[in-house]
Protein backbone atom coordinates (compact mmCIF):
# COMPACT_ATOMS: atom_id res chain seq x y z
CA UNK A 1 77.46 -51.59 21.82
CA UNK A 2 74.54 -52.34 19.35
CA UNK A 3 73.03 -48.89 18.41
CA UNK A 4 69.34 -48.28 18.15
CA UNK A 5 67.14 -45.10 17.03
CA UNK A 6 64.07 -43.77 18.69
CA UNK A 7 62.53 -43.73 15.11
CA UNK A 8 62.95 -47.45 14.80
CA UNK A 9 59.55 -49.34 15.37
CA UNK A 10 59.08 -51.77 18.29
CA UNK A 11 58.38 -54.56 16.20
CA UNK A 12 61.55 -54.05 13.88
CA UNK A 13 63.69 -53.80 17.13
CA UNK A 14 62.21 -57.11 18.54
CA UNK A 15 62.90 -58.76 15.23
CA UNK A 16 66.47 -57.45 14.85
CA UNK A 17 67.42 -58.11 18.55
CA UNK A 18 64.99 -60.68 20.50
CA UNK A 19 66.52 -59.90 23.62
CA UNK A 20 65.60 -56.27 23.76
CA UNK A 21 61.73 -57.33 24.25
CA UNK A 22 62.41 -58.23 27.93
CA UNK A 23 64.34 -54.96 28.47
CA UNK A 24 61.43 -52.85 27.07
CA UNK A 25 58.76 -54.87 28.79
CA UNK A 26 60.66 -54.24 32.56
CA UNK A 27 60.21 -50.52 31.60
CA UNK A 28 56.54 -50.78 31.80
CA UNK A 29 55.27 -52.06 28.44
CA UNK A 30 53.65 -55.15 29.77
CA UNK A 31 51.24 -55.64 26.66
CA UNK A 32 54.29 -56.33 24.55
CA UNK A 33 54.30 -59.97 26.07
CA UNK A 34 51.50 -60.62 23.51
CA UNK A 35 52.88 -61.62 20.34
CA UNK A 36 49.73 -60.14 18.62
CA UNK A 37 50.14 -56.83 20.39
CA UNK A 38 53.69 -56.71 19.06
CA UNK A 39 52.69 -57.29 15.48
CA UNK A 40 49.93 -54.94 15.52
CA UNK A 41 50.55 -51.88 17.66
CA UNK A 42 54.23 -52.59 17.63
CA UNK A 43 54.42 -52.33 13.90
CA UNK A 44 53.44 -48.46 13.90
CA UNK A 45 54.62 -47.53 17.26
CA UNK A 46 58.27 -46.30 17.28
CA UNK A 47 60.28 -46.82 20.50
CA UNK A 48 60.12 -42.80 21.05
CA UNK A 49 56.70 -42.60 20.89
CA UNK A 50 56.40 -45.53 23.36
CA UNK A 51 58.53 -43.71 25.52
CA UNK A 52 56.52 -40.65 25.86
CA UNK A 53 53.28 -42.70 25.93
CA UNK A 54 54.38 -44.40 29.17
CA UNK A 55 56.29 -41.26 30.63
CA UNK A 56 59.45 -43.28 30.88
CA UNK A 57 62.30 -41.02 31.31
CA UNK A 58 64.90 -40.81 28.56
CA UNK A 59 67.73 -41.06 30.82
CA UNK A 60 65.98 -44.39 32.50
CA UNK A 61 65.77 -45.86 29.23
CA UNK A 62 69.29 -45.36 28.13
CA UNK A 63 70.67 -46.66 31.53
CA UNK A 64 68.76 -49.76 31.10
CA UNK A 65 69.64 -50.27 27.51
CA UNK A 66 73.35 -49.59 28.45
CA UNK A 67 73.32 -52.23 30.98
CA UNK A 68 72.05 -54.77 28.38
CA UNK A 69 74.65 -53.62 25.70
CA UNK A 70 72.54 -51.18 23.50
CA UNK A 71 73.02 -47.38 22.73
CA UNK A 72 70.53 -44.90 21.49
CA UNK A 73 71.74 -42.73 18.77
CA UNK A 74 69.64 -39.62 19.51
CA UNK A 75 70.60 -39.88 23.24
CA UNK A 76 74.19 -40.36 22.94
CA UNK A 77 74.88 -37.41 25.36
CA UNK A 78 72.80 -39.00 28.19
CA UNK A 79 74.94 -42.31 27.92
CA UNK A 80 77.96 -40.24 29.00
CA UNK A 81 76.75 -38.15 31.72
CA UNK A 82 78.06 -38.96 35.18
CA UNK A 83 75.96 -41.21 37.29
CA UNK A 84 76.08 -39.48 40.46
CA UNK A 85 73.47 -39.38 43.13
CA UNK A 86 71.11 -36.49 42.59
CA UNK A 87 70.46 -33.66 44.95
CA UNK A 88 67.09 -33.31 46.15
CA UNK A 89 65.12 -31.03 44.06
CA UNK A 90 63.67 -27.77 44.97
CA UNK A 91 59.71 -27.96 45.10
CA UNK A 92 58.45 -27.14 41.78
CA UNK A 93 55.06 -26.44 43.05
CA UNK A 94 53.74 -28.90 40.50
CA UNK A 95 51.24 -30.63 42.96
CA UNK A 96 49.73 -28.95 45.76
CA UNK A 97 47.31 -30.84 48.24
CA UNK A 98 43.68 -30.14 47.64
CA UNK A 99 42.23 -27.61 50.32
CA UNK A 100 45.63 -26.15 51.22
CA UNK A 101 46.36 -22.76 51.02
CA UNK A 102 48.90 -23.24 48.37
CA UNK A 103 46.32 -25.20 46.49
CA UNK A 104 43.85 -22.12 46.50
CA UNK A 105 46.53 -19.63 45.77
CA UNK A 106 47.72 -21.62 42.61
CA UNK A 107 43.99 -21.97 41.56
CA UNK A 108 43.51 -18.12 41.81
CA UNK A 109 46.53 -17.47 39.72
CA UNK A 110 45.61 -20.04 37.23
CA UNK A 111 42.07 -18.84 36.62
CA UNK A 112 43.30 -15.41 36.46
CA UNK A 113 45.62 -16.23 33.76
CA UNK A 114 43.08 -17.99 31.84
CA UNK A 115 40.58 -15.30 32.15
CA UNK A 116 43.23 -12.79 30.70
CA UNK A 117 43.22 -14.98 27.61
CA UNK A 118 39.52 -15.11 27.44
CA UNK A 119 39.37 -11.40 27.65
CA UNK A 120 41.70 -11.06 24.68
CA UNK A 121 45.22 -10.49 26.24
CA UNK A 122 48.44 -11.11 24.40
CA UNK A 123 49.28 -14.98 24.49
CA UNK A 124 53.11 -14.13 25.29
CA UNK A 125 52.55 -11.85 28.08
CA UNK A 126 50.13 -14.34 29.76
CA UNK A 127 52.59 -17.32 29.23
CA UNK A 128 55.44 -15.24 30.47
CA UNK A 129 53.59 -14.63 33.86
CA UNK A 130 52.47 -18.37 34.07
CA UNK A 131 56.17 -19.36 33.82
CA UNK A 132 56.82 -16.88 36.58
CA UNK A 133 54.62 -18.58 39.01
CA UNK A 134 54.62 -22.32 37.77
CA UNK A 135 57.10 -24.95 36.78
CA UNK A 136 54.21 -27.60 36.32
CA UNK A 137 50.57 -28.05 36.91
CA UNK A 138 48.70 -31.19 37.40
CA UNK A 139 45.97 -32.53 35.37
CA UNK A 140 43.70 -32.35 38.35
CA UNK A 141 44.36 -28.76 38.80
CA UNK A 142 43.35 -27.83 35.24
CA UNK A 143 40.06 -29.69 36.13
CA UNK A 144 39.53 -27.66 39.55
CA UNK A 145 40.44 -24.53 37.46
CA UNK A 146 38.00 -25.32 34.70
CA UNK A 147 35.22 -25.90 37.19
CA UNK A 148 36.08 -22.88 38.99
CA UNK A 149 35.46 -20.78 35.91
CA UNK A 150 32.29 -22.26 35.06
CA UNK A 151 31.38 -21.38 38.65
CA UNK A 152 31.82 -17.84 37.73
CA UNK A 153 29.74 -17.82 34.76
CA UNK A 154 32.11 -18.73 32.07
CA UNK A 155 30.18 -20.91 29.67
CA UNK A 156 31.46 -24.46 28.80
CA UNK A 157 31.52 -23.32 25.03
CA UNK A 158 33.72 -20.35 25.74
CA UNK A 159 36.23 -22.54 27.67
CA UNK A 160 35.88 -25.07 24.82
CA UNK A 161 36.85 -22.17 22.30
CA UNK A 162 39.95 -21.48 23.61
CA UNK A 163 40.69 -25.11 24.82
CA UNK A 164 43.78 -25.49 22.49
CA UNK A 165 45.19 -22.14 23.81
CA UNK A 166 44.70 -23.54 27.26
CA UNK A 167 46.66 -26.70 26.19
CA UNK A 168 49.41 -24.62 24.57
CA UNK A 169 49.90 -22.48 27.72
CA UNK A 170 50.00 -25.81 29.70
CA UNK A 171 52.10 -27.74 27.28
CA UNK A 172 55.15 -29.15 28.60
CA UNK A 173 54.53 -28.35 32.11
CA UNK A 174 51.70 -30.82 33.11
CA UNK A 175 53.03 -32.92 35.89
CA UNK A 176 53.19 -36.91 35.41
CA UNK A 177 51.33 -37.18 38.71
CA UNK A 178 49.94 -40.75 37.79
CA UNK A 179 51.19 -44.31 37.35
CA UNK A 180 49.18 -47.05 35.74
CA UNK A 181 49.18 -50.38 37.85
CA UNK A 182 50.15 -53.67 36.41
CA UNK A 183 46.26 -54.43 36.10
CA UNK A 184 45.59 -51.11 33.95
CA UNK A 185 48.45 -52.31 31.61
CA UNK A 186 46.72 -55.67 30.64
CA UNK A 187 45.75 -56.15 27.02
CA UNK A 188 42.10 -55.10 26.73
CA UNK A 189 41.78 -52.91 29.82
CA UNK A 190 40.07 -49.57 28.70
CA UNK A 191 43.27 -47.58 29.38
CA UNK A 192 45.18 -49.73 26.76
CA UNK A 193 42.31 -49.68 24.23
CA UNK A 194 42.14 -45.85 24.43
CA UNK A 195 46.12 -45.72 23.84
CA UNK A 196 45.99 -48.04 21.17
CA UNK A 197 42.86 -46.39 19.20
CA UNK A 198 44.73 -43.29 19.41
CA UNK A 199 47.76 -44.82 17.79
CA UNK A 200 45.72 -45.92 15.04
CA UNK A 201 44.06 -42.78 14.55
CA UNK A 202 47.29 -40.99 14.15
CA UNK A 203 48.73 -43.86 11.85
CA UNK A 204 45.57 -43.50 9.63
CA UNK A 205 45.64 -39.49 9.58
CA UNK A 206 49.47 -39.88 8.52
CA UNK A 207 48.09 -42.35 5.46
CA UNK A 208 45.60 -39.88 4.50
CA UNK A 209 47.86 -37.01 4.68
CA UNK A 210 50.42 -38.63 2.29
CA UNK A 211 47.87 -39.88 -0.17
CA UNK A 212 46.18 -36.39 -0.13
CA UNK A 213 49.49 -34.82 -0.88
CA UNK A 214 49.93 -36.91 -4.20
CA UNK A 215 46.07 -36.69 -4.86
CA UNK A 216 46.18 -32.83 -5.00
CA UNK A 217 49.05 -32.93 -7.53
CA UNK A 218 47.85 -35.60 -9.75
CA UNK A 219 44.09 -35.72 -9.37
CA UNK A 220 44.50 -39.39 -10.02
CA UNK A 221 40.78 -41.10 -9.25
CA UNK A 222 42.42 -44.29 -7.84
CA UNK A 223 44.14 -42.13 -5.01
CA UNK A 224 40.65 -40.25 -4.13
CA UNK A 225 39.37 -43.70 -3.61
CA UNK A 226 42.21 -44.68 -1.42
CA UNK A 227 41.61 -41.56 0.85
CA UNK A 228 38.11 -42.30 0.90
CA UNK A 229 38.82 -45.91 2.30
CA UNK A 230 41.08 -44.50 4.89
CA UNK A 231 38.67 -41.76 5.83
CA UNK A 232 36.03 -44.28 6.40
CA UNK A 233 38.30 -46.21 8.73
CA UNK A 234 39.09 -42.83 10.52
CA UNK A 235 35.32 -42.17 10.97
CA UNK A 236 35.32 -44.94 13.54
CA UNK A 237 36.63 -42.16 15.99
CA UNK A 238 32.90 -41.24 16.70
CA UNK A 239 32.94 -44.58 18.71
CA UNK A 240 36.22 -43.57 20.63
CA UNK A 241 34.75 -40.30 21.28
CA UNK A 242 31.35 -41.85 22.21
CA UNK A 243 33.11 -43.97 24.52
CA UNK A 244 34.30 -41.17 26.68
CA UNK A 245 30.86 -39.49 26.44
CA UNK A 246 28.69 -42.23 27.54
CA UNK A 247 31.13 -44.41 29.73
CA UNK A 248 33.91 -42.29 31.21
CA UNK A 249 32.17 -39.02 31.78
CA UNK A 250 29.21 -40.19 33.91
CA UNK A 251 31.42 -41.58 36.21
CA UNK A 252 33.82 -38.43 36.21
CA UNK A 253 30.35 -36.09 36.82
CA UNK A 254 29.60 -38.41 39.86
CA UNK A 255 32.92 -37.97 41.21
CA UNK A 256 32.39 -34.40 40.99
CA UNK A 257 34.23 -33.44 37.92
CA UNK A 258 31.74 -31.65 35.48
CA UNK A 259 33.31 -29.10 33.89
CA UNK A 260 36.16 -31.06 31.84
CA UNK A 261 33.86 -33.35 30.33
CA UNK A 262 31.36 -30.46 29.03
CA UNK A 263 34.30 -28.90 27.44
CA UNK A 264 35.77 -31.87 25.87
CA UNK A 265 32.50 -33.10 24.73
CA UNK A 266 32.00 -29.87 22.76
CA UNK A 267 35.30 -30.28 21.16
CA UNK A 268 34.40 -33.72 20.21
CA UNK A 269 31.53 -32.50 18.34
CA UNK A 270 33.56 -29.58 16.71
CA UNK A 271 35.94 -32.52 15.40
CA UNK A 272 32.69 -34.73 14.14
CA UNK A 273 31.78 -31.60 12.23
CA UNK A 274 35.36 -30.98 10.64
CA UNK A 275 35.40 -34.59 9.59
CA UNK A 276 32.03 -34.41 7.77
CA UNK A 277 33.00 -31.11 6.27
CA UNK A 278 36.28 -32.67 4.90
CA UNK A 279 34.38 -35.61 3.56
CA UNK A 280 32.26 -33.72 1.78
CA UNK A 281 34.78 -31.18 0.36
CA UNK A 282 36.53 -34.40 -0.88
CA UNK A 283 33.57 -35.87 -2.64
CA UNK A 284 32.72 -32.52 -4.38
CA UNK A 285 36.46 -32.12 -5.28
CA UNK A 286 36.80 -28.75 -3.88
CA UNK A 287 40.57 -28.43 -4.27
CA UNK A 288 40.82 -25.19 -3.07
CA UNK A 289 39.09 -25.77 0.44
CA UNK A 290 40.25 -29.41 0.78
CA UNK A 291 43.91 -28.65 2.11
CA UNK A 292 42.81 -26.33 4.93
CA UNK A 293 39.95 -28.41 5.79
CA UNK A 294 42.09 -31.66 6.44
CA UNK A 295 44.86 -29.56 8.17
CA UNK A 296 42.25 -28.34 10.64
CA UNK A 297 40.91 -31.66 11.16
CA UNK A 298 44.29 -33.44 11.53
CA UNK A 299 45.43 -30.78 14.16
CA UNK A 300 42.31 -30.67 16.27
CA UNK A 301 42.19 -34.84 16.32
CA UNK A 302 45.96 -34.77 17.32
CA UNK A 303 45.33 -32.21 19.96
CA UNK A 304 42.53 -34.36 21.02
CA UNK A 305 44.98 -37.26 21.58
CA UNK A 306 47.28 -35.15 23.64
CA UNK A 307 44.11 -34.06 25.82
CA UNK A 308 43.00 -37.43 26.58
CA UNK A 309 46.37 -38.95 27.20
CA UNK A 310 48.01 -35.86 28.98
CA UNK A 311 44.90 -34.36 31.00
CA UNK A 312 42.04 -36.81 30.76
CA UNK A 313 43.97 -40.05 32.11
CA UNK A 314 45.74 -38.44 34.72
CA UNK A 315 42.49 -36.81 35.98
CA UNK A 316 40.79 -39.95 36.51
CA UNK A 317 43.46 -42.64 36.82
CA UNK A 318 43.62 -42.44 40.71
CA UNK A 319 39.65 -41.88 41.10
CA UNK A 320 38.61 -44.53 39.06
CA UNK A 321 38.63 -48.18 41.20
CA UNK A 322 38.15 -51.31 39.36
CA UNK A 323 34.51 -51.51 39.44
CA UNK A 324 34.43 -48.42 37.32
CA UNK A 325 36.87 -49.74 34.66
CA UNK A 326 35.06 -53.09 34.71
CA UNK A 327 31.84 -50.92 33.92
CA UNK A 328 33.69 -48.95 31.17
CA UNK A 329 34.87 -52.21 29.62
CA UNK A 330 31.46 -53.59 29.44
CA UNK A 331 29.91 -50.59 27.93
CA UNK A 332 32.98 -50.33 25.45
CA UNK A 333 32.03 -53.57 23.99
CA UNK A 334 28.38 -52.28 23.63
CA UNK A 335 29.34 -48.95 21.87
CA UNK A 336 32.20 -50.35 19.80
CA UNK A 337 35.77 -49.77 19.05
CA UNK A 338 37.73 -47.50 16.79
CA UNK A 339 39.93 -49.27 13.84
CA UNK A 340 41.29 -51.49 16.21
CA UNK A 341 39.75 -54.02 18.67
CA UNK A 342 41.13 -55.48 21.70
CA UNK A 343 42.77 -58.85 21.07
CA UNK A 344 41.38 -60.08 24.32
CA UNK A 345 38.77 -59.20 26.75
CA UNK A 346 39.98 -57.79 30.09
CA UNK A 347 39.14 -60.00 33.09
CA UNK A 348 40.66 -59.06 36.49
CA UNK A 349 41.34 -61.25 39.14
CA UNK A 350 38.25 -59.92 40.93
CA UNK A 351 35.65 -59.55 38.48
CA UNK A 352 32.50 -59.10 40.82
CA UNK A 353 32.01 -55.81 42.47
CA UNK A 354 32.46 -55.81 46.43
CA UNK A 355 29.37 -53.69 46.98
CA UNK A 356 26.78 -55.83 45.18
CA UNK A 357 23.68 -55.96 47.53
CA UNK A 358 22.49 -59.59 48.24
CA UNK A 359 19.28 -58.19 48.89
CA UNK A 360 18.68 -57.61 44.85
CA UNK A 361 19.47 -61.32 44.59
CA UNK A 362 16.57 -62.33 46.78
CA UNK A 363 13.17 -63.92 45.55
CA UNK A 364 10.37 -62.08 46.27
CA UNK A 365 7.22 -63.65 47.96
CA UNK A 366 4.77 -62.26 45.28
CA UNK A 367 6.84 -61.76 41.85
CA UNK A 368 3.98 -59.91 40.32
CA UNK A 369 3.46 -56.20 39.81
CA UNK A 370 -0.16 -54.95 39.79
CA UNK A 371 -1.47 -52.52 37.23
CA UNK A 372 -4.71 -51.28 36.73
CA UNK A 373 -5.17 -53.37 33.77
CA UNK A 374 -3.54 -56.52 34.82
CA UNK A 375 -0.30 -57.81 36.30
CA UNK A 376 3.13 -59.02 35.06
CA UNK A 377 6.50 -60.20 36.57
CA UNK A 378 9.32 -57.72 36.50
CA UNK A 379 10.62 -60.33 33.99
CA UNK A 380 7.72 -60.22 31.74
CA UNK A 381 7.70 -56.68 31.68
CA UNK A 382 11.14 -55.88 30.85
CA UNK A 383 11.07 -58.58 27.87
CA UNK A 384 7.97 -56.92 26.86
CA UNK A 385 9.46 -53.43 26.74
CA UNK A 386 12.59 -54.60 24.80
CA UNK A 387 10.55 -56.01 22.22
CA UNK A 388 8.65 -52.79 21.72
CA UNK A 389 10.37 -51.58 18.18
CA UNK A 390 11.28 -48.15 19.99
CA UNK A 391 14.00 -46.73 21.85
CA UNK A 392 12.38 -45.62 24.96
CA UNK A 393 13.84 -43.45 27.66
CA UNK A 394 12.46 -42.12 31.06
CA UNK A 395 13.60 -38.93 32.68
CA UNK A 396 12.01 -38.09 36.00
CA UNK A 397 10.55 -35.09 37.27
CA UNK A 398 14.26 -33.82 38.33
CA UNK A 399 15.65 -34.60 35.27
CA UNK A 400 17.36 -37.64 36.37
CA UNK A 401 17.56 -40.70 33.81
CA UNK A 402 15.77 -43.67 35.43
CA UNK A 403 15.25 -46.10 32.65
CA UNK A 404 15.68 -47.20 29.03
CA UNK A 405 14.95 -50.26 27.14
CA UNK A 406 17.47 -52.25 25.53
CA UNK A 407 16.57 -54.98 22.51
CA UNK A 408 20.44 -55.86 22.02
CA UNK A 409 20.74 -53.76 18.85
CA UNK A 410 22.53 -50.73 18.03
CA UNK A 411 20.62 -47.58 19.04
CA UNK A 412 20.32 -44.20 17.28
CA UNK A 413 20.88 -42.37 20.42
CA UNK A 414 23.21 -44.27 22.35
CA UNK A 415 22.51 -45.76 26.05
CA UNK A 416 24.68 -47.46 28.70
CA UNK A 417 23.90 -48.42 32.17
CA UNK A 418 26.14 -45.64 33.57
CA UNK A 419 23.37 -43.10 32.18
CA UNK A 420 21.06 -44.28 35.06
CA UNK A 421 21.16 -42.01 37.79
CA UNK A 422 22.73 -39.39 35.80
CA UNK A 423 21.28 -35.70 35.01
CA UNK A 424 19.93 -35.72 31.55
CA UNK A 425 21.61 -32.37 31.05
CA UNK A 426 25.00 -34.14 31.36
CA UNK A 427 24.02 -36.58 28.57
CA UNK A 428 23.95 -33.96 26.04
CA UNK A 429 26.87 -31.79 24.45
CA UNK A 430 26.99 -28.01 25.46
CA UNK A 431 25.40 -26.68 22.17
CA UNK A 432 22.22 -28.81 22.87
CA UNK A 433 21.69 -27.67 26.49
CA UNK A 434 19.49 -24.48 25.56
CA UNK A 435 17.12 -26.95 23.30
CA UNK A 436 17.04 -29.54 26.08
CA UNK A 437 16.39 -27.18 28.77
CA UNK A 438 13.67 -25.41 27.23
CA UNK A 439 11.74 -28.58 26.10
CA UNK A 440 11.89 -30.01 29.61
CA UNK A 441 10.76 -26.71 31.10
CA UNK A 442 7.89 -26.75 28.70
CA UNK A 443 6.60 -30.12 29.30
CA UNK A 444 7.09 -29.92 33.00
CA UNK A 445 5.04 -26.32 33.20
CA UNK A 446 2.31 -27.59 30.82
CA UNK A 447 3.04 -25.32 28.02
CA UNK A 448 3.43 -28.44 25.79
CA UNK A 449 2.56 -32.00 26.42
CA UNK A 450 4.78 -33.47 23.61
CA UNK A 451 7.12 -32.42 20.98
CA UNK A 452 8.55 -34.17 18.18
CA UNK A 453 11.26 -34.16 15.53
CA UNK A 454 12.00 -36.08 12.42
CA UNK A 455 15.15 -36.24 10.14
CA UNK A 456 17.11 -38.63 7.81
CA UNK A 457 20.45 -40.22 9.49
CA UNK A 458 22.43 -43.38 9.30
CA UNK A 459 20.27 -44.36 6.28
CA UNK A 460 17.04 -44.14 8.38
CA UNK A 461 14.15 -41.79 8.83
CA UNK A 462 14.06 -41.25 12.37
CA UNK A 463 11.09 -39.91 14.55
CA UNK A 464 11.73 -38.65 18.00
CA UNK A 465 8.95 -37.88 20.36
CA UNK A 466 8.95 -36.19 23.79
CA UNK A 467 6.00 -36.64 26.08
CA UNK A 468 5.26 -35.29 29.47
CA UNK A 469 4.26 -38.07 31.96
CA UNK A 470 1.79 -36.78 34.52
CA UNK A 471 0.10 -38.34 37.73
CA UNK A 472 -3.64 -38.81 38.28
CA UNK A 473 -3.70 -35.09 39.92
CA UNK A 474 -1.69 -33.64 36.55
CA UNK A 475 1.52 -33.19 38.44
CA UNK A 476 4.38 -33.78 36.31
CA UNK A 477 6.45 -37.10 36.97
CA UNK A 478 8.70 -37.03 34.20
CA UNK A 479 9.36 -37.39 30.22
CA UNK A 480 9.02 -40.25 28.13
CA UNK A 481 11.43 -40.29 25.06
CA UNK A 482 10.80 -42.53 22.33
CA UNK A 483 12.77 -42.85 18.91
CA UNK A 484 11.80 -44.82 15.79
CA UNK A 485 12.81 -45.72 12.40
CA UNK A 486 9.59 -44.85 10.30
CA UNK A 487 11.10 -45.50 7.07
CA UNK A 488 9.52 -48.98 6.72
CA UNK A 489 6.33 -47.58 7.64
CA UNK A 490 6.64 -44.75 4.84
CA UNK A 491 7.65 -47.68 2.59
CA UNK A 492 4.41 -49.41 3.06
CA UNK A 493 2.17 -49.62 0.12
CA UNK A 494 -1.47 -50.89 -0.40
CA UNK A 495 -2.99 -53.18 2.10
CA UNK A 496 -2.05 -56.31 3.92
CA UNK A 497 -5.04 -58.11 5.63
CA UNK A 498 -3.63 -61.46 5.76
CA UNK A 499 -0.88 -63.12 7.57
CA UNK A 500 2.51 -64.14 5.71
């Protein structure tokens, strides 16, 4: 038999044994039919990681390889195990039907365990009790548990603070309760994009780790430059996180899953702060603080990858339909990608949502909207609003996002179509909620008519203004937010009274 190792990359295996490619594809690795995918992701993904990512049981992998004349060095013991029909396994209790007595009992126990952690009880004792009651929990149960805790008054930030403790408590016990469809395995599908980006993030972290180890010893300037280049590449993780926050989370909230997005968004922001801190320490050459800062960053980013793939995806895979994934794919292009870009655009067989209203396609008898000072067609109005050099957003009296303009350029505050109809409170990370809540309350009550902020960011000088919109009788209709880069205005000098 031909022996392979779990540490071999997929690309090197296919290069050495071309016939193994079809064997690997048959186990659910459909993207590997693409040569480009094989020569990009396949060059950094080991076969061991690939098995884990696609939840392929090692025994299944070994059996399939053996049939095709291959053995796996690290899994030799599985190859000699007798192939006998397995007895039906005893129920593990890993999945319980929503609404059932069993489900509620499991929820009560899970919540009590987490509350004990939050109250400072010894982790080992809580884990021991967890193992008494559970052999596995589903990602959905974790979602409902977090939702229940927030319903009992536990803040999202408090849940976020012990998020990694929760993950380690459940570690290795989360049931694989979902499978991806053939459609979801196509190149360019948001699920595949997320996984490939995570792989690229891991790879970049490893490169920085190796460069940093040598740099801390030698203090060689060229190594610092190399780290900074890799760090700039790693910084694209912000787009990866933004796609979760602005494309995935709104759909989750619409489905009633509100706690996990708030918790995860808070952790995302913590990672953003850790990245900026490490970048600054490296620039200042603070050699005492650099090692821990990077170690913490690497740990949290790696943990986030686990949370996304082992908790987030299982939570949404069965409740998002094709229309949702189409919307996410479209908004992903608007927000941007992290380190690697999809080699092709995902286009499913059915690309038009079934629920598109034909009424919206009808031509109105009178195409004009009449205002007190004139009239415009909706098309004229939209083009006019999109040409104003401001980022406009309108939130109604019930704090629901109703409109934003779009001139096709990158926005300072990201907006996607899924924001429409969303509670504005869910459009902000947990740490910003007290500020947003007070601002809207002041504008609604009349304590303020407007509020402004200005700051430097992204090489621009940003002015943000919030203004209350009131009806003729003074009643509050909502808040208009407008954002502008005022640096070009500040830079003006002298006068210009003639046309160029």
